Amino acid sequence: MLNTKLGGQRMETTGNVLRTSKFWRGYYDREDSGERAKPPGSASDFRFELPCGPRYSLRVEYALDSWGITLLLVDVASEETHELGWWDESRWHPYALRWDELMLLHRYWESSGDGGVAAERVLLLSPFVGIGMEEREDLAIRRQFLARALQSLGVADSREAQVLGEQALRPPSEDDYSWVSDPRVGWLFSGEYPCYSLRNHEHTGASEPRFPFEHFAQLLIDTVA
């Protein structure tokens, strides 16, 4: 069962906030402030834990009042966290995942439990998927996959699910972004302006957030072990 912490209290989200179109409209569109899913009298932060094998989990933190979504990799044993990417109002660096990696996680979650929970987790992670210039022809098909996931949760009819699916998966603002495999660290994502992702060589300086390549590679290995 997928859980979230809201206002310091743990609550089950299946059948609750993630099963409402209001939540997804606010989650995918930072301009849609009037649709943010803030229950009356609640705090303004959500935390979603997405287990990925025995050692690691992914964590999505969603702040409503100042609209921001952060993706973290968590070492469960040590409680150490690593920032993978984020969306905010001004300086976003969200693109941390390849579509193939998202599908790998989806298969893992489907095989580990409830298909509805797997759909929720994929939908939470979809804004962090980078679409390279070599993948543009597949964008419509992938958006349809997400639209069907939304419909499977019963949160939207086909027309609204189509709109939300388009918002859930967007290519970078620059049209030269590509995924390139590096023999030392794995897949990298960037273009001439490399600041929409941490997953590149440009974000390896002492003052820059570092993408946790080794931890992330092990997380993926754990999900197919």
C-alpha atoms as a PDB file:
ATOM      1  CA  MET A   1       0.000   0.000   0.000  1.00  0.00           C
ATOM      2  CA  LEU A   2       1.408   3.398  -0.987  1.00  0.00           C
ATOM      3  CA  ASN A   3       1.622   5.812   1.917  1.00  0.00           C
ATOM      4  CA  THR A   4       2.189   9.508   2.354  1.00  0.00           C
ATOM      5  CA  LYS A   5       2.938  11.741   5.294  1.00  0.00           C
ATOM      6  CA  LEU A   6       0.707  14.770   5.488  1.00  0.00           C
ATOM      7  CA  GLY A   7       1.192  17.303   8.247  1.00  0.00           C
ATOM      8  CA  GLY A   8       3.377  14.870  10.172  1.00  0.00           C
ATOM      9  CA  GLN A   9       0.682  12.161  10.226  1.00  0.00           C
ATOM     10  CA  ARG A  10       0.815   8.989   8.158  1.00  0.00           C
ATOM     11  CA  MET A  11      -2.187   8.289   5.976  1.00  0.00           C
ATOM     12  CA  GLU A  12      -2.929   5.687   3.319  1.00  0.00           C
ATOM     13  CA  THR A  13      -3.310   7.346  -0.060  1.00  0.00           C
ATOM     14  CA  THR A  14      -4.800   4.484  -2.060  1.00  0.00           C
ATOM     15  CA  GLY A  15      -8.460   5.393  -2.488  1.00  0.00           C
ATOM     16  CA  ASN A  16      -7.712   8.843  -1.101  1.00  0.00           C
ATOM     17  CA  VAL A  17      -5.743  11.792  -2.450  1.00  0.00           C
ATOM     18  CA  LEU A  18      -4.081   9.956  -5.364  1.00  0.00           C
ATOM     19  CA  ARG A  19      -7.476   8.776  -6.559  1.00  0.00           C
ATOM     20  CA  THR A  20      -8.715  12.315  -7.288  1.00  0.00           C
ATOM     21  CA  SER A  21      -8.280  14.304 -10.495  1.00  0.00           C
ATOM     22  CA  LYS A  22      -7.885  17.442  -8.369  1.00  0.00           C
ATOM     23  CA  PHE A  23      -4.591  16.138  -7.014  1.00  0.00           C
ATOM     24  CA  TRP A  24      -3.159  15.309 -10.440  1.00  0.00           C
ATOM     25  CA  ARG A  25      -4.233  18.627 -12.003  1.00  0.00           C
ATOM     26  CA  GLY A  26      -2.279  20.513  -9.358  1.00  0.00           C
ATOM     27  CA  TYR A  27       0.648  18.084  -9.368  1.00  0.00           C
ATOM     28  CA  TYR A  28       1.257  18.306 -13.105  1.00  0.00           C
ATOM     29  CA  ASP A  29       0.553  21.999 -13.676  1.00  0.00           C
ATOM     30  CA  ARG A  30       2.205  24.580 -11.441  1.00  0.00           C
ATOM     31  CA  GLU A  31       0.054  27.302 -13.010  1.00  0.00           C
ATOM     32  CA  ASP A  32      -3.112  25.556 -11.866  1.00  0.00           C
ATOM     33  CA  SER A  33      -2.894  26.808  -8.290  1.00  0.00           C
ATOM     34  CA  GLY A  34      -6.653  26.810  -7.796  1.00  0.00           C
ATOM     35  CA  GLU A  35      -6.760  23.022  -8.215  1.00  0.00           C
ATOM     36  CA  ARG A  36      -4.111  22.003  -5.702  1.00  0.00           C
ATOM     37  CA  ALA A  37      -5.279  19.139  -3.515  1.00  0.00           C
ATOM     38  CA  LYS A  38      -5.074  20.692  -0.064  1.00  0.00           C
ATOM     39  CA  PRO A  39      -7.630  19.207   2.340  1.00  0.00           C
ATOM     40  CA  PRO A  40      -9.187  21.805   4.672  1.00  0.00           C
ATOM     41  CA  GLY A  41      -7.108  22.381   7.789  1.00  0.00           C
ATOM     42  CA  SER A  42      -4.197  20.275   6.552  1.00  0.00           C
ATOM     43  CA  ALA A  43      -0.529  21.073   6.167  1.00  0.00           C
ATOM     44  CA  SER A  44       0.846  21.855   2.732  1.00  0.00           C
ATOM     45  CA  ASP A  45       3.357  19.067   2.167  1.00  0.00           C
ATOM     46  CA  PHE A  46       3.057  15.493   0.941  1.00  0.00           C
ATOM     47  CA  ARG A  47       5.718  12.790   1.126  1.00  0.00           C
ATOM     48  CA  PHE A  48       5.381   9.613  -0.926  1.00  0.00           C
ATOM     49  CA  GLU A  49       7.654   6.610  -0.308  1.00  0.00           C
ATOM     50  CA  LEU A  50       8.226   4.256  -3.257  1.00  0.00           C
ATOM     51  CA  PRO A  51      10.184   1.123  -2.213  1.00  0.00           C
ATOM     52  CA  CYS A  52      12.659  -0.200  -4.803  1.00  0.00           C
ATOM     53  CA  GLY A  53      14.066  -3.400  -3.370  1.00  0.00           C
ATOM     54  CA  PRO A  54      15.714  -4.220  -0.038  1.00  0.00           C
ATOM     55  CA  ARG A  55      18.123  -1.292   0.202  1.00  0.00           C
ATOM     56  CA  TYR A  56      16.678   1.718  -1.586  1.00  0.00           C
ATOM     57  CA  SER A  57      13.485   3.644  -2.058  1.00  0.00           C
ATOM     58  CA  LEU A  58      12.495   6.681  -4.055  1.00  0.00           C
ATOM     59  CA  ARG A  59      10.809   9.556  -2.259  1.00  0.00           C
ATOM     60  CA  VAL A  60       8.630  12.223  -3.838  1.00  0.00           C
ATOM     61  CA  GLU A  61       8.084  15.376  -1.806  1.00  0.00           C
ATOM     62  CA  TYR A  62       5.322  17.707  -2.982  1.00  0.00           C
ATOM     63  CA  ALA A  63       4.897  21.212  -1.552  1.00  0.00           C
ATOM     64  CA  LEU A  64       1.641  22.886  -2.487  1.00  0.00           C
ATOM     65  CA  ASP A  65       1.928  26.455  -1.192  1.00  0.00           C
ATOM     66  CA  SER A  66       5.127  27.257  -3.091  1.00  0.00           C
ATOM     67  CA  TRP A  67       4.599  24.564  -5.724  1.00  0.00           C
ATOM     68  CA  GLY A  68       7.583  22.275  -5.821  1.00  0.00           C
ATOM     69  CA  ILE A  69       8.190  18.568  -6.404  1.00  0.00           C
ATOM     70  CA  THR A  70      11.456  16.894  -5.394  1.00  0.00           C
ATOM     71  CA  LEU A  71      12.657  13.377  -6.194  1.00  0.00           C
ATOM     72  CA  LEU A  72      15.076  11.755  -3.746  1.00  0.00           C
ATOM     73  CA  LEU A  73      16.879   8.431  -3.617  1.00  0.00           C
ATOM     74  CA  VAL A  74      16.884   7.077  -0.062  1.00  0.00           C
ATOM     75  CA  ASP A  75      19.288   4.513   1.371  1.00  0.00           C
ATOM     76  CA  VAL A  76      16.883   2.794   3.760  1.00  0.00           C
ATOM     77  CA  ALA A  77      19.547   1.350   6.073  1.00  0.00           C
ATOM     78  CA  SER A  78      21.577   4.522   6.579  1.00  0.00           C
ATOM     79  CA  GLU A  79      18.704   6.958   5.952  1.00  0.00           C
ATOM     80  CA  GLU A  80      21.039   8.882   3.652  1.00  0.00           C
ATOM     81  CA  THR A  81      19.238  10.778   0.907  1.00  0.00           C
ATOM     82  CA  HIS A  82      20.424  11.853  -2.534  1.00  0.00           C
ATOM     83  CA  GLU A  83      18.691  14.477  -4.638  1.00  0.00           C
ATOM     84  CA  LEU A  84      17.840  13.257  -8.126  1.00  0.00           C
ATOM     85  CA  GLY A  85      15.861  16.211  -9.445  1.00  0.00           C
ATOM     86  CA  TRP A  86      13.194  18.786  -8.716  1.00  0.00           C
ATOM     87  CA  TRP A  87      10.519  21.043 -10.118  1.00  0.00           C
ATOM     88  CA  ASP A  88       9.954  24.517  -8.676  1.00  0.00           C
ATOM     89  CA  GLU A  89       8.754  27.943  -9.761  1.00  0.00           C
ATOM     90  CA  SER A  90      12.029  29.197 -11.213  1.00  0.00           C
ATOM     91  CA  ARG A  91      15.155  26.957 -11.437  1.00  0.00           C
ATOM     92  CA  TRP A  92      13.976  23.438 -12.121  1.00  0.00           C
ATOM     93  CA  HIS A  93      16.344  20.481 -12.714  1.00  0.00           C
ATOM     94  CA  PRO A  94      13.808  17.653 -12.995  1.00  0.00           C
ATOM     95  CA  TYR A  95      14.947  15.200 -15.655  1.00  0.00           C
ATOM     96  CA  ALA A  96      16.458  12.291 -13.752  1.00  0.00           C
ATOM     97  CA  LEU A  97      14.910   9.157 -15.285  1.00  0.00           C
ATOM     98  CA  ARG A  98      14.821   7.433 -18.645  1.00  0.00           C
ATOM     99  CA  TRP A  99      11.476   6.095 -19.828  1.00  0.00           C
ATOM    100  CA  ASP A 100      12.910   2.573 -19.962  1.00  0.00           C
ATOM    101  CA  GLU A 101      13.906   2.897 -16.306  1.00  0.00           C
ATOM    102  CA  LEU A 102      10.410   4.022 -15.379  1.00  0.00           C
ATOM    103  CA  MET A 103       8.994   0.963 -17.149  1.00  0.00           C
ATOM    104  CA  LEU A 104      11.475  -1.272 -15.310  1.00  0.00           C
ATOM    105  CA  LEU A 105      10.213   0.117 -12.004  1.00  0.00           C
ATOM    106  CA  HIS A 106       6.611  -0.264 -13.158  1.00  0.00           C
ATOM    107  CA  ARG A 107       7.145  -3.963 -13.878  1.00  0.00           C
ATOM    108  CA  TYR A 108       8.800  -4.417 -10.495  1.00  0.00           C
ATOM    109  CA  TRP A 109       5.911  -2.779  -8.645  1.00  0.00           C
ATOM    110  CA  GLU A 110       3.321  -4.687 -10.658  1.00  0.00           C
ATOM    111  CA  SER A 111       5.025  -7.989  -9.830  1.00  0.00           C
ATOM    112  CA  SER A 112       5.372  -7.027  -6.163  1.00  0.00           C
ATOM    113  CA  GLY A 113       1.812  -6.030  -5.394  1.00  0.00           C
ATOM    114  CA  ASP A 114      -1.289  -4.135  -6.445  1.00  0.00           C
ATOM    115  CA  GLY A 115      -1.423  -2.863 -10.040  1.00  0.00           C
ATOM    116  CA  GLY A 116      -3.182   0.283  -8.886  1.00  0.00           C
ATOM    117  CA  VAL A 117      -0.285   1.138  -6.586  1.00  0.00           C
ATOM    118  CA  ALA A 118       2.127   0.582  -9.494  1.00  0.00           C
ATOM    119  CA  ALA A 119       0.077   3.022 -11.587  1.00  0.00           C
ATOM    120  CA  GLU A 120       0.143   5.637  -8.818  1.00  0.00           C
ATOM    121  CA  ARG A 121       3.911   5.397  -8.506  1.00  0.00           C
ATOM    122  CA  VAL A 122       4.518   5.673 -12.239  1.00  0.00           C
ATOM    123  CA  LEU A 123       2.286   8.730 -12.401  1.00  0.00           C
ATOM    124  CA  LEU A 124       4.175  10.347  -9.519  1.00  0.00           C
ATOM    125  CA  LEU A 125       7.512   9.771 -11.267  1.00  0.00           C
ATOM    126  CA  SER A 126       6.502  10.695 -14.810  1.00  0.00           C
ATOM    127  CA  PRO A 127       7.384  14.439 -14.515  1.00  0.00           C
ATOM    128  CA  PHE A 128      10.979  13.369 -13.820  1.00  0.00           C
ATOM    129  CA  VAL A 129      11.366  11.463 -17.098  1.00  0.00           C
ATOM    130  CA  GLY A 130      13.603  13.139 -19.645  1.00  0.00           C
ATOM    131  CA  ILE A 131      12.577  12.847 -23.290  1.00  0.00           C
ATOM    132  CA  GLY A 132      15.560  13.080 -25.611  1.00  0.00           C
ATOM    133  CA  MET A 133      15.432  14.344 -29.162  1.00  0.00           C
ATOM    134  CA  GLU A 134      15.803  10.740 -30.349  1.00  0.00           C
ATOM    135  CA  GLU A 135      12.579   9.798 -28.513  1.00  0.00           C
ATOM    136  CA  ARG A 136      10.173  12.470 -29.761  1.00  0.00           C
ATOM    137  CA  GLU A 137       8.344  10.028 -32.049  1.00  0.00           C
ATOM    138  CA  ASP A 138       7.465   7.884 -29.019  1.00  0.00           C
ATOM    139  CA  LEU A 139       6.116  10.753 -26.924  1.00  0.00           C
ATOM    140  CA  ALA A 140       2.461  10.350 -27.956  1.00  0.00           C
ATOM    141  CA  ILE A 141       2.472   6.608 -27.208  1.00  0.00           C
ATOM    142  CA  ARG A 142       4.014   7.169 -23.788  1.00  0.00           C
ATOM    143  CA  ARG A 143       1.475   9.845 -22.944  1.00  0.00           C
ATOM    144  CA  GLN A 144      -1.272   7.406 -23.876  1.00  0.00           C
ATOM    145  CA  PHE A 145       0.213   4.891 -21.427  1.00  0.00           C
ATOM    146  CA  LEU A 146      -0.012   7.481 -18.650  1.00  0.00           C
ATOM    147  CA  ALA A 147      -3.537   8.465 -19.664  1.00  0.00           C
ATOM    148  CA  ARG A 148      -4.601   4.821 -19.371  1.00  0.00           C
ATOM    149  CA  ALA A 149      -2.953   4.639 -15.940  1.00  0.00           C
ATOM    150  CA  LEU A 150      -5.019   7.630 -14.807  1.00  0.00           C
ATOM    151  CA  GLN A 151      -8.176   6.039 -16.132  1.00  0.00           C
ATOM    152  CA  SER A 152      -7.329   2.776 -14.363  1.00  0.00           C
ATOM    153  CA  LEU A 153      -7.393   4.685 -11.063  1.00  0.00           C
ATOM    154  CA  GLY A 154     -10.839   6.041 -11.859  1.00  0.00           C
ATOM    155  CA  VAL A 155      -9.730   9.655 -11.490  1.00  0.00           C
ATOM    156  CA  ALA A 156     -10.465  10.938 -14.992  1.00  0.00           C
ATOM    157  CA  ASP A 157     -12.529  10.213 -18.056  1.00  0.00           C
ATOM    158  CA  SER A 158     -10.754   9.636 -21.356  1.00  0.00           C
ATOM    159  CA  ARG A 159     -10.735  13.312 -22.340  1.00  0.00           C
ATOM    160  CA  GLU A 160      -9.306  14.606 -19.055  1.00  0.00           C
ATOM    161  CA  ALA A 161      -6.876  11.699 -18.853  1.00  0.00           C
ATOM    162  CA  GLN A 162      -5.530  12.684 -22.269  1.00  0.00           C
ATOM    163  CA  VAL A 163      -4.887  16.256 -21.082  1.00  0.00           C
ATOM    164  CA  LEU A 164      -3.256  15.090 -17.859  1.00  0.00           C
ATOM    165  CA  GLY A 165      -1.131  12.552 -19.738  1.00  0.00           C
ATOM    166  CA  GLU A 166       0.258  15.346 -21.921  1.00  0.00           C
ATOM    167  CA  GLN A 167       1.081  17.424 -18.842  1.00  0.00           C
ATOM    168  CA  ALA A 168       2.659  14.462 -17.064  1.00  0.00           C
ATOM    169  CA  LEU A 169       5.343  13.885 -19.696  1.00  0.00           C
ATOM    170  CA  ARG A 170       6.931  16.905 -21.319  1.00  0.00           C
ATOM    171  CA  PRO A 171      10.180  17.254 -23.241  1.00  0.00           C
ATOM    172  CA  PRO A 172      12.795  19.758 -22.029  1.00  0.00           C
ATOM    173  CA  SER A 173      12.479  23.366 -23.099  1.00  0.00           C
ATOM    174  CA  GLU A 174      15.565  22.975 -25.297  1.00  0.00           C
ATOM    175  CA  ASP A 175      15.285  20.720 -28.343  1.00  0.00           C
ATOM    176  CA  ASP A 176      18.855  19.363 -28.283  1.00  0.00           C
ATOM    177  CA  TYR A 177      18.625  17.197 -25.160  1.00  0.00           C
ATOM    178  CA  SER A 178      19.706  13.586 -25.648  1.00  0.00           C
ATOM    179  CA  TRP A 179      20.468  10.471 -23.641  1.00  0.00           C
ATOM    180  CA  VAL A 180      24.075   9.340 -24.108  1.00  0.00           C
ATOM    181  CA  SER A 181      25.636   6.267 -22.505  1.00  0.00           C
ATOM    182  CA  ASP A 182      28.908   6.918 -20.695  1.00  0.00           C
ATOM    183  CA  PRO A 183      31.101   3.840 -20.008  1.00  0.00           C
ATOM    184  CA  ARG A 184      32.094   5.146 -16.557  1.00  0.00           C
ATOM    185  CA  VAL A 185      28.823   6.296 -15.010  1.00  0.00           C
ATOM    186  CA  GLY A 186      26.020   5.142 -17.296  1.00  0.00           C
ATOM    187  CA  TRP A 187      23.355   7.253 -18.983  1.00  0.00           C
ATOM    188  CA  LEU A 188      23.712  11.048 -19.115  1.00  0.00           C
ATOM    189  CA  PHE A 189      21.111  13.627 -20.157  1.00  0.00           C
ATOM    190  CA  SER A 190      21.853  17.139 -21.377  1.00  0.00           C
ATOM    191  CA  GLY A 191      22.160  19.583 -24.234  1.00  0.00           C
ATOM    192  CA  GLU A 192      24.072  22.807 -24.837  1.00  0.00           C
ATOM    193  CA  TYR A 193      22.307  24.296 -21.811  1.00  0.00           C
ATOM    194  CA  PRO A 194      22.685  21.464 -19.274  1.00  0.00           C
ATOM    195  CA  CYS A 195      20.647  22.789 -16.374  1.00  0.00           C
ATOM    196  CA  TYR A 196      17.379  20.863 -16.754  1.00  0.00           C
ATOM    197  CA  SER A 197      19.012  17.734 -15.347  1.00  0.00           C
ATOM    198  CA  LEU A 198      21.591  16.777 -12.724  1.00  0.00           C
ATOM    199  CA  ARG A 199      22.381  13.602 -14.620  1.00  0.00           C
ATOM    200  CA  ASN A 200      25.335  14.912 -16.619  1.00  0.00           C
ATOM    201  CA  HIS A 201      29.021  15.758 -16.275  1.00  0.00           C
ATOM    202  CA  GLU A 202      28.295  19.454 -15.816  1.00  0.00           C
ATOM    203  CA  HIS A 203      26.830  18.776 -12.361  1.00  0.00           C
ATOM    204  CA  THR A 204      29.835  17.127 -10.791  1.00  0.00           C
ATOM    205  CA  GLY A 205      31.624  20.128  -9.267  1.00  0.00           C
ATOM    206  CA  ALA A 206      32.128  20.574  -5.549  1.00  0.00           C
ATOM    207  CA  SER A 207      29.454  23.269  -5.368  1.00  0.00           C
ATOM    208  CA  GLU A 208      26.910  21.430  -7.505  1.00  0.00           C
ATOM    209  CA  PRO A 209      24.381  18.758  -6.529  1.00  0.00           C
ATOM    210  CA  ARG A 210      25.765  15.407  -7.615  1.00  0.00           C
ATOM    211  CA  PHE A 211      23.663  12.727  -9.247  1.00  0.00           C
ATOM    212  CA  PRO A 212      24.235   9.475  -7.258  1.00  0.00           C
ATOM    213  CA  PHE A 213      25.161   7.301 -10.234  1.00  0.00           C
ATOM    214  CA  GLU A 214      26.384   4.276  -8.262  1.00  0.00           C
ATOM    215  CA  HIS A 215      23.433   4.225  -5.868  1.00  0.00           C
ATOM    216  CA  PHE A 216      20.941   4.639  -8.695  1.00  0.00           C
ATOM    217  CA  ALA A 217      22.533   1.853 -10.740  1.00  0.00           C
ATOM    218  CA  GLN A 218      22.282  -0.481  -7.749  1.00  0.00           C
ATOM    219  CA  LEU A 219      18.641   0.483  -7.194  1.00  0.00           C
ATOM    220  CA  LEU A 220      17.839  -0.600 -10.747  1.00  0.00           C
ATOM    221  CA  ILE A 221      19.777  -3.855 -10.312  1.00  0.00           C
ATOM    222  CA  ASP A 222      17.792  -4.593  -7.144  1.00  0.00           C
ATOM    223  CA  THR A 223      14.486  -4.273  -8.991  1.00  0.00           C
ATOM    224  CA  VAL A 224      15.399  -6.955 -11.517  1.00  0.00           C
ATOM    225  CA  ALA A 225      17.232  -9.305  -9.149  1.00  0.00           C
END
